[in-house]
PDB file of all heavy atoms in Angstrom:
ATOM      1  N   THR A   1       0.840  -1.199  -0.049  1.00  0.00           N
ATOM      2  CA  THR A   1       0.024  -0.026  -0.061  1.00  0.00           C
ATOM      3  C   THR A   1       0.811   1.202  -0.057  1.00  0.00           C
ATOM      4  O   THR A   1       1.585   1.500   1.023  1.00  0.00           O
ATOM      5  CB  THR A   1      -0.958   0.041   1.225  1.00  0.00           C
ATOM      6  OG1 THR A   1      -1.659  -1.195   1.276  1.00  0.00           O
ATOM      7  CG2 THR A   1      -1.861   1.236   1.133  1.00  0.00           C
ATOM      8  N   PRO A   2       0.779   2.061  -1.107  1.00  0.00           N
ATOM      9  CA  PRO A   2       1.632   3.282  -1.112  1.00  0.00           C
ATOM     10  C   PRO A   2       1.265   4.230  -0.042  1.00  0.00           C
ATOM     11  O   PRO A   2       0.092   4.362   0.326  1.00  0.00           O
ATOM     12  CB  PRO A   2       1.405   3.854  -2.549  1.00  0.00           C
ATOM     13  CG  PRO A   2       0.851   2.648  -3.324  1.00  0.00           C
ATOM     14  CD  PRO A   2       0.080   1.806  -2.337  1.00  0.00           C
ATOM     15  N   LEU A   3       2.271   4.931   0.518  1.00  0.00           N
ATOM     16  CA  LEU A   3       1.919   6.013   1.354  1.00  0.00           C
ATOM     17  C   LEU A   3       1.289   7.154   0.752  1.00  0.00           C
ATOM     18  O   LEU A   3       1.559   7.555  -0.412  1.00  0.00           O
ATOM     19  CB  LEU A   3       3.194   6.484   2.147  1.00  0.00           C
ATOM     20  CG  LEU A   3       3.932   5.487   3.094  1.00  0.00           C
ATOM     21  CD1 LEU A   3       5.284   6.037   3.453  1.00  0.00           C
ATOM     22  CD2 LEU A   3       3.080   5.355   4.325  1.00  0.00           C
ATOM     23  N   PRO A   4       0.234   7.739   1.419  1.00  0.00           N
ATOM     24  CA  PRO A   4      -0.384   8.990   0.742  1.00  0.00           C
ATOM     25  C   PRO A   4       0.609  10.147   0.678  1.00  0.00           C
ATOM     26  O   PRO A   4       1.570  10.208   1.485  1.00  0.00           O
ATOM     27  CB  PRO A   4      -1.472   9.334   1.796  1.00  0.00           C
ATOM     28  CG  PRO A   4      -1.061   8.739   3.020  1.00  0.00           C
ATOM     29  CD  PRO A   4      -0.283   7.468   2.723  1.00  0.00           C
ATOM     30  N   PRO A   5       0.525  10.949  -0.406  1.00  0.00           N
ATOM     31  CA  PRO A   5       1.485  12.030  -0.523  1.00  0.00           C
ATOM     32  C   PRO A   5       1.452  13.050   0.710  1.00  0.00           C
ATOM     33  O   PRO A   5       0.377  13.179   1.248  1.00  0.00           O
ATOM     34  CB  PRO A   5       0.941  12.799  -1.783  1.00  0.00           C
ATOM     35  CG  PRO A   5       0.144  11.759  -2.519  1.00  0.00           C
ATOM     36  CD  PRO A   5      -0.473  10.915  -1.530  1.00  0.00           C
ATOM     37  N   LEU A   6       2.584  13.525   1.044  1.00  0.00           N
ATOM     38  CA  LEU A   6       2.713  14.400   2.116  1.00  0.00           C
ATOM     39  C   LEU A   6       2.506  15.895   1.615  1.00  0.00           C
ATOM     40  O   LEU A   6       3.170  16.263   0.727  1.00  0.00           O
ATOM     41  CB  LEU A   6       4.071  14.339   2.798  1.00  0.00           C
ATOM     42  CG  LEU A   6       4.282  15.137   3.993  1.00  0.00           C
ATOM     43  CD1 LEU A   6       3.254  14.807   5.158  1.00  0.00           C
ATOM     44  CD2 LEU A   6       5.706  15.000   4.640  1.00  0.00           C
ATOM     45  N   GLN A   7       1.523  16.661   2.169  1.00  0.00           N
ATOM     46  CA  GLN A   7       1.333  17.979   1.744  1.00  0.00           C
ATOM     47  C   GLN A   7       2.412  18.947   2.047  1.00  0.00           C
ATOM     48  O   GLN A   7       3.130  18.739   3.239  1.00  0.00           O
ATOM     49  CB  GLN A   7      -0.003  18.447   2.365  1.00  0.00           C
ATOM     50  CG  GLN A   7      -1.229  17.748   1.886  1.00  0.00           C
ATOM     51  CD  GLN A   7      -2.476  18.324   2.495  1.00  0.00           C
ATOM     52  OE1 GLN A   7      -2.370  19.184   3.332  1.00  0.00           O
ATOM     53  NE2 GLN A   7      -3.669  17.935   2.019  1.00  0.00           N
ATOM     54  N   ILE A   8       2.718  19.966   1.408  1.00  0.00           N
ATOM     55  CA  ILE A   8       3.807  20.956   1.599  1.00  0.00           C
ATOM     56  C   ILE A   8       3.502  21.596   2.920  1.00  0.00           C
ATOM     57  O   ILE A   8       2.344  21.994   3.354  1.00  0.00           O
ATOM     58  CB  ILE A   8       3.738  21.988   0.491  1.00  0.00           C
ATOM     59  CG1 ILE A   8       4.205  21.403  -0.799  1.00  0.00           C
ATOM     60  CG2 ILE A   8       4.747  23.147   0.835  1.00  0.00           C
ATOM     61  CD1 ILE A   8       4.306  22.343  -1.945  1.00  0.00           C
ATOM     62  N   GLY A   9       4.535  21.691   3.701  1.00  0.00           N
ATOM     63  CA  GLY A   9       4.494  22.334   5.075  1.00  0.00           C
ATOM     64  C   GLY A   9       4.132  21.325   6.163  1.00  0.00           C
ATOM     65  O   GLY A   9       4.070  21.732   7.331  1.00  0.00           O
ATOM     66  N   MET A  10       3.889  20.072   5.841  1.00  0.00           N
ATOM     67  CA  MET A  10       3.596  19.119   6.840  1.00  0.00           C
ATOM     68  C   MET A  10       4.744  18.243   7.147  1.00  0.00           C
ATOM     69  O   MET A  10       5.754  17.911   6.419  1.00  0.00           O
ATOM     70  CB  MET A  10       2.433  18.192   6.365  1.00  0.00           C
ATOM     71  CG  MET A  10       1.178  18.971   6.185  1.00  0.00           C
ATOM     72  SD  MET A  10       0.522  19.761   7.662  1.00  0.00           S
ATOM     73  CE  MET A  10      -0.015  18.337   8.600  1.00  0.00           C
ATOM     74  N   THR A  11       4.678  17.542   8.362  1.00  0.00           N
ATOM     75  CA  THR A  11       5.752  16.524   8.836  1.00  0.00           C
ATOM     76  C   THR A  11       5.039  15.468   9.459  1.00  0.00           C
ATOM     77  O   THR A  11       3.946  15.598  10.101  1.00  0.00           O
ATOM     78  CB  THR A  11       6.609  17.289   9.962  1.00  0.00           C
ATOM     79  OG1 THR A  11       7.372  18.404   9.239  1.00  0.00           O
ATOM     80  CG2 THR A  11       7.600  16.286  10.469  1.00  0.00           C
ATOM     81  N   ARG A  12       5.527  14.217   9.176  1.00  0.00           N
ATOM     82  CA  ARG A  12       4.930  12.994   9.833  1.00  0.00           C
ATOM     83  C   ARG A  12       6.103  12.053  10.088  1.00  0.00           C
ATOM     84  O   ARG A  12       7.198  12.130   9.685  1.00  0.00           O
ATOM     85  CB  ARG A  12       3.954  12.402   8.943  1.00  0.00           C
ATOM     86  CG  ARG A  12       4.524  11.845   7.586  1.00  0.00           C
ATOM     87  CD  ARG A  12       3.446  11.489   6.711  1.00  0.00           C
ATOM     88  NE  ARG A  12       3.936  10.837   5.375  1.00  0.00           N
ATOM     89  CZ  ARG A  12       3.224  10.710   4.277  1.00  0.00           C
ATOM     90  NH1 ARG A  12       1.893  10.937   4.298  1.00  0.00           N
ATOM     91  NH2 ARG A  12       3.766  10.156   3.144  1.00  0.00           N
ATOM     92  N   TYR A  13       5.789  11.026  10.906  1.00  0.00           N
ATOM     93  CA  TYR A  13       6.708   9.972  11.251  1.00  0.00           C
ATOM     94  C   TYR A  13       6.232   8.693  10.486  1.00  0.00           C
ATOM     95  O   TYR A  13       5.009   8.415  10.278  1.00  0.00           O
ATOM     96  CB  TYR A  13       6.599   9.572  12.843  1.00  0.00           C
ATOM     97  CG  TYR A  13       7.070  10.828  13.625  1.00  0.00           C
ATOM     98  CD1 TYR A  13       6.178  11.714  14.254  1.00  0.00           C
ATOM     99  CD2 TYR A  13       8.451  11.062  13.803  1.00  0.00           C
ATOM    100  CE1 TYR A  13       6.574  12.828  14.992  1.00  0.00           C
ATOM    101  CE2 TYR A  13       8.922  12.181  14.548  1.00  0.00           C
ATOM    102  CZ  TYR A  13       7.926  12.986  15.161  1.00  0.00           C
ATOM    103  OH  TYR A  13       8.373  14.062  15.953  1.00  0.00           O
ATOM    104  N   LEU A  14       7.221   7.875  10.202  1.00  0.00           N
ATOM    105  CA  LEU A  14       7.038   6.677   9.365  1.00  0.00           C
ATOM    106  C   LEU A  14       7.617   5.461  10.128  1.00  0.00           C
ATOM    107  O   LEU A  14       8.890   5.565  10.540  1.00  0.00           O
ATOM    108  CB  LEU A  14       7.611   6.768   7.950  1.00  0.00           C
ATOM    109  CG  LEU A  14       7.151   7.876   7.119  1.00  0.00           C
ATOM    110  CD1 LEU A  14       7.952   7.881   5.809  1.00  0.00           C
ATOM    111  CD2 LEU A  14       5.607   7.778   6.829  1.00  0.00           C
ATOM    112  N   MET A  15       6.879   4.451  10.288  1.00  0.00           N
ATOM    113  CA  MET A  15       7.455   3.187  10.802  1.00  0.00           C
ATOM    114  C   MET A  15       7.760   2.296   9.579  1.00  0.00           C
ATOM    115  O   MET A  15       6.889   1.991   8.863  1.00  0.00           O
ATOM    116  CB  MET A  15       6.453   2.430  11.750  1.00  0.00           C
ATOM    117  CG  MET A  15       6.417   3.115  13.109  1.00  0.00           C
ATOM    118  SD  MET A  15       7.988   3.093  14.071  1.00  0.00           S
ATOM    119  CE  MET A  15       8.373   1.339  14.091  1.00  0.00           C
ATOM    120  N   GLY A  16       9.037   2.031   9.526  1.00  0.00           N
ATOM    121  CA  GLY A  16       9.442   1.253   8.285  1.00  0.00           C
ATOM    122  C   GLY A  16      10.237  -0.047   8.737  1.00  0.00           C
ATOM    123  O   GLY A  16      10.437  -0.357   9.975  1.00  0.00           O
ATOM    124  N   GLN A  17      10.688  -0.783   7.819  1.00  0.00           N
ATOM    125  CA  GLN A  17      11.352  -2.061   8.127  1.00  0.00           C
ATOM    126  C   GLN A  17      12.617  -1.835   8.889  1.00  0.00           C
ATOM    127  O   GLN A  17      12.947  -2.658   9.786  1.00  0.00           O
ATOM    128  CB  GLN A  17      11.783  -2.672   6.811  1.00  0.00           C
ATOM    129  CG  GLN A  17      12.190  -4.173   6.882  1.00  0.00           C
ATOM    130  CD  GLN A  17      12.644  -4.664   5.505  1.00  0.00           C
ATOM    131  OE1 GLN A  17      13.681  -4.458   5.013  1.00  0.00           O
ATOM    132  NE2 GLN A  17      11.667  -5.483   5.015  1.00  0.00           N
ATOM    133  N   GLY A  18      13.221  -0.720   8.754  1.00  0.00           N
ATOM    134  CA  GLY A  18      14.423  -0.465   9.438  1.00  0.00           C
ATOM    135  C   GLY A  18      14.338   0.351  10.687  1.00  0.00           C
ATOM    136  O   GLY A  18      15.238   0.552  11.459  1.00  0.00           O
ATOM    137  N   GLY A  19      13.088   0.804  11.003  1.00  0.00           N
ATOM    138  CA  GLY A  19      12.921   1.568  12.278  1.00  0.00           C
ATOM    139  C   GLY A  19      11.911   2.771  12.082  1.00  0.00           C
ATOM    140  O   GLY A  19      11.016   2.742  11.265  1.00  0.00           O
ATOM    141  N   LEU A  20      12.220   3.828  12.880  1.00  0.00           N
ATOM    142  CA  LEU A  20      11.410   5.001  12.804  1.00  0.00           C
ATOM    143  C   LEU A  20      12.047   6.139  12.012  1.00  0.00           C
ATOM    144  O   LEU A  20      13.268   6.420  12.182  1.00  0.00           O
ATOM    145  CB  LEU A  20      11.164   5.477  14.233  1.00  0.00           C
ATOM    146  CG  LEU A  20      10.319   6.804  14.409  1.00  0.00           C
ATOM    147  CD1 LEU A  20       8.897   6.569  13.880  1.00  0.00           C
ATOM    148  CD2 LEU A  20      10.368   7.227  15.844  1.00  0.00           C
ATOM    149  N   TYR A  21      11.306   6.804  11.187  1.00  0.00           N
ATOM    150  CA  TYR A  21      11.766   7.840  10.241  1.00  0.00           C
ATOM    151  C   TYR A  21      10.936   9.030  10.380  1.00  0.00           C
ATOM    152  O   TYR A  21       9.709   8.964  10.905  1.00  0.00           O
ATOM    153  CB  TYR A  21      11.644   7.306   8.814  1.00  0.00           C
ATOM    154  CG  TYR A  21      12.549   6.122   8.583  1.00  0.00           C
ATOM    155  CD1 TYR A  21      12.099   4.877   8.799  1.00  0.00           C
ATOM    156  CD2 TYR A  21      13.826   6.157   7.943  1.00  0.00           C
ATOM    157  CE1 TYR A  21      12.790   3.806   8.568  1.00  0.00           C
ATOM    158  CE2 TYR A  21      14.570   5.112   7.587  1.00  0.00           C
ATOM    159  CZ  TYR A  21      14.089   3.822   8.001  1.00  0.00           C
ATOM    160  OH  TYR A  21      14.847   2.714   7.737  1.00  0.00           O
ATOM    161  N   ILE A  22      11.499  10.190  10.100  1.00  0.00           N
ATOM    162  CA  ILE A  22      10.675  11.408   9.985  1.00  0.00           C
ATOM    163  C   ILE A  22      10.619  11.904   8.555  1.00  0.00           C
ATOM    164  O   ILE A  22      11.647  11.826   7.842  1.00  0.00           O
ATOM    165  CB  ILE A  22      11.285  12.535  10.927  1.00  0.00           C
ATOM    166  CG1 ILE A  22      10.260  13.705  10.965  1.00  0.00           C
ATOM    167  CG2 ILE A  22      12.635  12.993  10.534  1.00  0.00           C
ATOM    168  CD1 ILE A  22      10.556  14.716  12.157  1.00  0.00           C
ATOM    169  N   GLU A  23       9.495  12.274   8.036  1.00  0.00           N
ATOM    170  CA  GLU A  23       9.347  12.758   6.692  1.00  0.00           C
ATOM    171  C   GLU A  23       8.807  14.186   6.786  1.00  0.00           C
ATOM    172  O   GLU A  23       7.871  14.486   7.577  1.00  0.00           O
ATOM    173  CB  GLU A  23       8.351  11.896   5.970  1.00  0.00           C
ATOM    174  CG  GLU A  23       8.190  12.424   4.464  1.00  0.00           C
ATOM    175  CD  GLU A  23       7.250  11.479   3.694  1.00  0.00           C
ATOM    176  OE1 GLU A  23       6.427  10.684   4.376  1.00  0.00           O
ATOM    177  OE2 GLU A  23       7.248  11.526   2.538  1.00  0.00           O
ATOM    178  N   SER A  24       9.292  15.060   6.028  1.00  0.00           N
ATOM    179  CA  SER A  24       8.875  16.523   5.932  1.00  0.00           C
ATOM    180  C   SER A  24       8.949  17.034   4.619  1.00  0.00           C
ATOM    181  O   SER A  24       9.726  16.642   3.790  1.00  0.00           O
ATOM    182  CB  SER A  24       9.909  17.275   6.868  1.00  0.00           C
ATOM    183  OG  SER A  24       9.305  18.562   7.171  1.00  0.00           O
ATOM    184  N   ALA A  25       8.000  17.967   4.371  1.00  0.00           N
ATOM    185  CA  ALA A  25       7.877  18.544   3.049  1.00  0.00           C
ATOM    186  C   ALA A  25       7.949  20.156   3.142  1.00  0.00           C
ATOM    187  O   ALA A  25       6.847  20.759   2.991  1.00  0.00           O
ATOM    188  CB  ALA A  25       6.640  18.178   2.393  1.00  0.00           C
ATOM    189  N   PRO A  26       8.988  20.746   3.513  1.00  0.00           N
ATOM    190  CA  PRO A  26       9.056  22.029   3.475  1.00  0.00           C
ATOM    191  C   PRO A  26       8.942  22.620   2.035  1.00  0.00           C
ATOM    192  O   PRO A  26       9.042  21.923   1.076  1.00  0.00           O
ATOM    193  CB  PRO A  26      10.545  22.515   4.028  1.00  0.00           C
ATOM    194  CG  PRO A  26      11.332  21.287   3.573  1.00  0.00           C
ATOM    195  CD  PRO A  26      10.345  20.026   3.800  1.00  0.00           C
ATOM    196  N   ALA A  27       8.715  23.953   1.865  1.00  0.00           N
ATOM    197  CA  ALA A  27       8.468  24.517   0.560  1.00  0.00           C
ATOM    198  C   ALA A  27       9.688  24.312  -0.354  1.00  0.00           C
ATOM    199  O   ALA A  27       9.573  24.415  -1.547  1.00  0.00           O
ATOM    200  CB  ALA A  27       8.046  25.912   0.625  1.00  0.00           C
ATOM    201  N   TRP A  28      10.836  24.224   0.290  1.00  0.00           N
ATOM    202  CA  TRP A  28      12.073  24.176  -0.549  1.00  0.00           C
ATOM    203  C   TRP A  28      12.484  22.743  -0.771  1.00  0.00           C
ATOM    204  O   TRP A  28      13.597  22.546  -1.552  1.00  0.00           O
ATOM    205  CB  TRP A  28      13.259  24.892   0.229  1.00  0.00           C
ATOM    206  CG  TRP A  28      13.437  24.472   1.642  1.00  0.00           C
ATOM    207  CD1 TRP A  28      12.983  24.996   2.778  1.00  0.00           C
ATOM    208  CD2 TRP A  28      14.307  23.375   2.072  1.00  0.00           C
ATOM    209  NE1 TRP A  28      13.559  24.402   3.923  1.00  0.00           N
ATOM    210  CE2 TRP A  28      14.204  23.278   3.478  1.00  0.00           C
ATOM    211  CE3 TRP A  28      15.016  22.311   1.396  1.00  0.00           C
ATOM    212  CZ2 TRP A  28      14.917  22.393   4.221  1.00  0.00           C
ATOM    213  CZ3 TRP A  28      15.664  21.275   2.186  1.00  0.00           C
ATOM    214  CH2 TRP A  28      15.600  21.439   3.537  1.00  0.00           C
ATOM    215  N   GLY A  29      11.875  21.723  -0.285  1.00  0.00           N
ATOM    216  CA  GLY A  29      12.209  20.405  -0.629  1.00  0.00           C
ATOM    217  C   GLY A  29      11.483  19.233  -0.043  1.00  0.00           C
ATOM    218  O   GLY A  29      10.271  19.458   0.429  1.00  0.00           O
ATOM    219  N   HIS A  30      12.209  18.078   0.125  1.00  0.00           N
ATOM    220  CA  HIS A  30      11.465  16.861   0.760  1.00  0.00           C
ATOM    221  C   HIS A  30      12.562  16.148   1.411  1.00  0.00           C
ATOM    222  O   HIS A  30      13.694  15.926   0.893  1.00  0.00           O
ATOM    223  CB  HIS A  30      10.804  16.030  -0.311  1.00  0.00           C
ATOM    224  CG  HIS A  30      10.156  14.915   0.157  1.00  0.00           C
ATOM    225  ND1 HIS A  30      10.593  13.586   0.117  1.00  0.00           N
ATOM    226  CD2 HIS A  30       8.870  14.784   0.779  1.00  0.00           C
ATOM    227  CE1 HIS A  30       9.772  12.794   0.655  1.00  0.00           C
ATOM    228  NE2 HIS A  30       8.675  13.451   1.100  1.00  0.00           N
ATOM    229  N   ILE A  31      12.205  15.666   2.681  1.00  0.00           N
ATOM    230  CA  ILE A  31      13.220  15.023   3.633  1.00  0.00           C
ATOM    231  C   ILE A  31      12.625  13.768   4.090  1.00  0.00           C
ATOM    232  O   ILE A  31      11.432  13.752   4.520  1.00  0.00           O
ATOM    233  CB  ILE A  31      13.648  15.951   4.698  1.00  0.00           C
ATOM    234  CG1 ILE A  31      14.147  17.263   4.233  1.00  0.00           C
ATOM    235  CG2 ILE A  31      14.589  15.172   5.626  1.00  0.00           C
ATOM    236  CD1 ILE A  31      13.991  18.384   5.284  1.00  0.00           C
ATOM    237  N   ILE A  32      13.346  12.648   4.058  1.00  0.00           N
ATOM    238  CA  ILE A  32      13.094  11.440   4.931  1.00  0.00           C
ATOM    239  C   ILE A  32      14.395  11.114   5.619  1.00  0.00           C
ATOM    240  O   ILE A  32      15.412  10.893   4.991  1.00  0.00           O
ATOM    241  CB  ILE A  32      12.570  10.279   4.077  1.00  0.00           C
ATOM    242  CG1 ILE A  32      11.346  10.615   3.355  1.00  0.00           C
ATOM    243  CG2 ILE A  32      12.468   9.121   4.905  1.00  0.00           C
ATOM    244  CD1 ILE A  32      10.724   9.496   2.514  1.00  0.00           C
ATOM    245  N   ALA A  33      14.298  11.072   6.945  1.00  0.00           N
ATOM    246  CA  ALA A  33      15.560  10.863   7.699  1.00  0.00           C
ATOM    247  C   ALA A  33      15.330   9.870   8.819  1.00  0.00           C
ATOM    248  O   ALA A  33      14.211   9.844   9.419  1.00  0.00           O
ATOM    249  CB  ALA A  33      16.171  12.117   8.303  1.00  0.00           C
TER     250      ALA A  33
END
């Protein structure tokens, strides 16, 4: 099941196979860490 797109300006946490991640979509880019 694909993850829903993250709206600009929003931040969320993701539980993945490797652990916990943070995803963010500032106006200047896109981050998953």
